[in-house]
């Protein structure tokens, strides 16, 4: 082999060895980077939307318990453990 071929093979072997070590080490954790923002660890809270307005109100129907019946705009009726009317 010529001297140039031996140097090329040595350089390729060294490159492969360094690449193998880098791949074996894995990627660094996101918190280990010096390039993070000071705000990068802050998480956003849940977005709270306005409740759905179904334009119904609570009423007691004859022979039945409380129920949601049609009403004017701006009122929401929900039945969970009881009947609740709220403005929206």
C-alpha atoms as a PDB file:
ATOM      1  CA  UNK A   1       0.000   0.000   0.000  1.00  0.00           C
ATOM      2  CA  UNK A   2       1.095   3.490  -0.651  1.00  0.00           C
ATOM      3  CA  UNK A   3       1.587   6.003   2.076  1.00  0.00           C
ATOM      4  CA  UNK A   4      -1.439   8.035   0.923  1.00  0.00           C
ATOM      5  CA  UNK A   5      -3.716   4.959   1.092  1.00  0.00           C
ATOM      6  CA  UNK A   6      -2.560   4.128   4.637  1.00  0.00           C
ATOM      7  CA  UNK A   7      -3.163   7.704   5.821  1.00  0.00           C
ATOM      8  CA  UNK A   8      -6.601   7.720   4.222  1.00  0.00           C
ATOM      9  CA  UNK A   9      -7.524   4.416   5.877  1.00  0.00           C
ATOM     10  CA  UNK A  10      -6.271   5.654   9.265  1.00  0.00           C
ATOM     11  CA  UNK A  11      -8.269   8.873   8.935  1.00  0.00           C
ATOM     12  CA  UNK A  12     -11.391   6.910   7.942  1.00  0.00           C
ATOM     13  CA  UNK A  13     -10.929   4.529  10.899  1.00  0.00           C
ATOM     14  CA  UNK A  14     -10.494   7.446  13.306  1.00  0.00           C
ATOM     15  CA  UNK A  15     -13.574   9.155  11.902  1.00  0.00           C
ATOM     16  CA  UNK A  16     -15.613   5.939  12.224  1.00  0.00           C
ATOM     17  CA  UNK A  17     -14.408   5.462  15.817  1.00  0.00           C
ATOM     18  CA  UNK A  18     -15.355   9.021  16.804  1.00  0.00           C
ATOM     19  CA  UNK A  19     -18.699   8.731  15.063  1.00  0.00           C
ATOM     20  CA  UNK A  20     -19.406   5.446  16.852  1.00  0.00           C
ATOM     21  CA  UNK A  21     -18.597   7.012  20.225  1.00  0.00           C
ATOM     22  CA  UNK A  22     -20.866   9.956  19.493  1.00  0.00           C
ATOM     23  CA  UNK A  23     -23.744   7.689  18.498  1.00  0.00           C
ATOM     24  CA  UNK A  24     -23.233   5.489  21.564  1.00  0.00           C
ATOM     25  CA  UNK A  25     -23.341   8.512  23.881  1.00  0.00           C
ATOM     26  CA  UNK A  26     -26.786   9.532  22.582  1.00  0.00           C
ATOM     27  CA  UNK A  27     -28.337  12.945  22.343  1.00  0.00           C
ATOM     28  CA  UNK A  28     -27.926  15.352  25.255  1.00  0.00           C
ATOM     29  CA  UNK A  29     -30.922  16.053  27.481  1.00  0.00           C
ATOM     30  CA  UNK A  30     -32.797  19.261  26.602  1.00  0.00           C
ATOM     31  CA  UNK A  31     -31.928  20.833  29.957  1.00  0.00           C
ATOM     32  CA  UNK A  32     -28.200  20.408  29.399  1.00  0.00           C
ATOM     33  CA  UNK A  33     -27.943  22.847  26.515  1.00  0.00           C
ATOM     34  CA  UNK A  34     -26.447  26.300  27.148  1.00  0.00           C
ATOM     35  CA  UNK A  35     -28.651  27.681  24.367  1.00  0.00           C
ATOM     36  CA  UNK A  36     -31.995  27.421  26.170  1.00  0.00           C
ATOM     37  CA  UNK A  37     -34.164  30.410  26.902  1.00  0.00           C
ATOM     38  CA  UNK A  38     -34.767  31.455  30.484  1.00  0.00           C
ATOM     39  CA  UNK A  39     -38.479  30.876  29.820  1.00  0.00           C
ATOM     40  CA  UNK A  40     -38.122  27.427  28.253  1.00  0.00           C
ATOM     41  CA  UNK A  41     -39.109  25.549  31.418  1.00  0.00           C
ATOM     42  CA  UNK A  42     -42.343  27.478  31.942  1.00  0.00           C
ATOM     43  CA  UNK A  43     -45.422  25.570  30.865  1.00  0.00           C
ATOM     44  CA  UNK A  44     -48.699  27.090  29.814  1.00  0.00           C
ATOM     45  CA  UNK A  45     -51.824  26.416  31.845  1.00  0.00           C
ATOM     46  CA  UNK A  46     -55.048  25.009  30.515  1.00  0.00           C
ATOM     47  CA  UNK A  47     -57.104  27.220  28.259  1.00  0.00           C
ATOM     48  CA  UNK A  48     -60.509  27.808  29.771  1.00  0.00           C
ATOM     49  CA  UNK A  49     -63.226  28.570  27.283  1.00  0.00           C
ATOM     50  CA  UNK A  50     -66.584  30.165  27.923  1.00  0.00           C
ATOM     51  CA  UNK A  51     -69.183  27.510  28.685  1.00  0.00           C
ATOM     52  CA  UNK A  52     -71.549  26.536  25.930  1.00  0.00           C
ATOM     53  CA  UNK A  53     -74.828  28.434  26.103  1.00  0.00           C
ATOM     54  CA  UNK A  54     -77.722  26.092  25.287  1.00  0.00           C
ATOM     55  CA  UNK A  55     -80.492  28.695  25.864  1.00  0.00           C
ATOM     56  CA  UNK A  56     -82.389  26.477  28.321  1.00  0.00           C
ATOM     57  CA  UNK A  57     -83.379  26.866  31.961  1.00  0.00           C
ATOM     58  CA  UNK A  58     -84.357  24.512  34.779  1.00  0.00           C
ATOM     59  CA  UNK A  59     -88.007  23.666  35.292  1.00  0.00           C
ATOM     60  CA  UNK A  60     -89.919  20.926  37.069  1.00  0.00           C
ATOM     61  CA  UNK A  61     -92.059  19.039  34.603  1.00  0.00           C
ATOM     62  CA  UNK A  62     -95.288  17.465  35.877  1.00  0.00           C
ATOM     63  CA  UNK A  63     -94.785  13.803  36.782  1.00  0.00           C
ATOM     64  CA  UNK A  64     -91.011  14.078  36.366  1.00  0.00           C
ATOM     65  CA  UNK A  65     -88.088  15.654  38.115  1.00  0.00           C
ATOM     66  CA  UNK A  66     -86.267  18.795  37.076  1.00  0.00           C
ATOM     67  CA  UNK A  67     -85.457  19.147  33.394  1.00  0.00           C
ATOM     68  CA  UNK A  68     -83.942  21.674  31.008  1.00  0.00           C
ATOM     69  CA  UNK A  69     -86.597  23.479  28.967  1.00  0.00           C
ATOM     70  CA  UNK A  70     -86.334  26.082  26.206  1.00  0.00           C
ATOM     71  CA  UNK A  71     -85.758  29.607  27.452  1.00  0.00           C
ATOM     72  CA  UNK A  72     -84.420  32.924  26.221  1.00  0.00           C
ATOM     73  CA  UNK A  73     -80.823  33.599  25.162  1.00  0.00           C
ATOM     74  CA  UNK A  74     -78.090  33.982  27.727  1.00  0.00           C
ATOM     75  CA  UNK A  75     -79.080  31.083  30.019  1.00  0.00           C
ATOM     76  CA  UNK A  76     -77.476  27.637  30.267  1.00  0.00           C
ATOM     77  CA  UNK A  77     -78.985  24.600  31.968  1.00  0.00           C
ATOM     78  CA  UNK A  78     -77.010  21.581  33.173  1.00  0.00           C
ATOM     79  CA  UNK A  79     -78.214  18.470  34.946  1.00  0.00           C
ATOM     80  CA  UNK A  80     -75.638  16.581  36.992  1.00  0.00           C
ATOM     81  CA  UNK A  81     -76.582  15.912  40.607  1.00  0.00           C
ATOM     82  CA  UNK A  82     -79.382  18.445  40.231  1.00  0.00           C
ATOM     83  CA  UNK A  83     -80.559  21.059  37.782  1.00  0.00           C
ATOM     84  CA  UNK A  84     -78.452  24.232  37.549  1.00  0.00           C
ATOM     85  CA  UNK A  85     -79.223  27.350  35.491  1.00  0.00           C
ATOM     86  CA  UNK A  86     -76.503  29.916  34.936  1.00  0.00           C
ATOM     87  CA  UNK A  87     -76.082  32.954  32.735  1.00  0.00           C
ATOM     88  CA  UNK A  88     -73.569  32.836  29.930  1.00  0.00           C
END
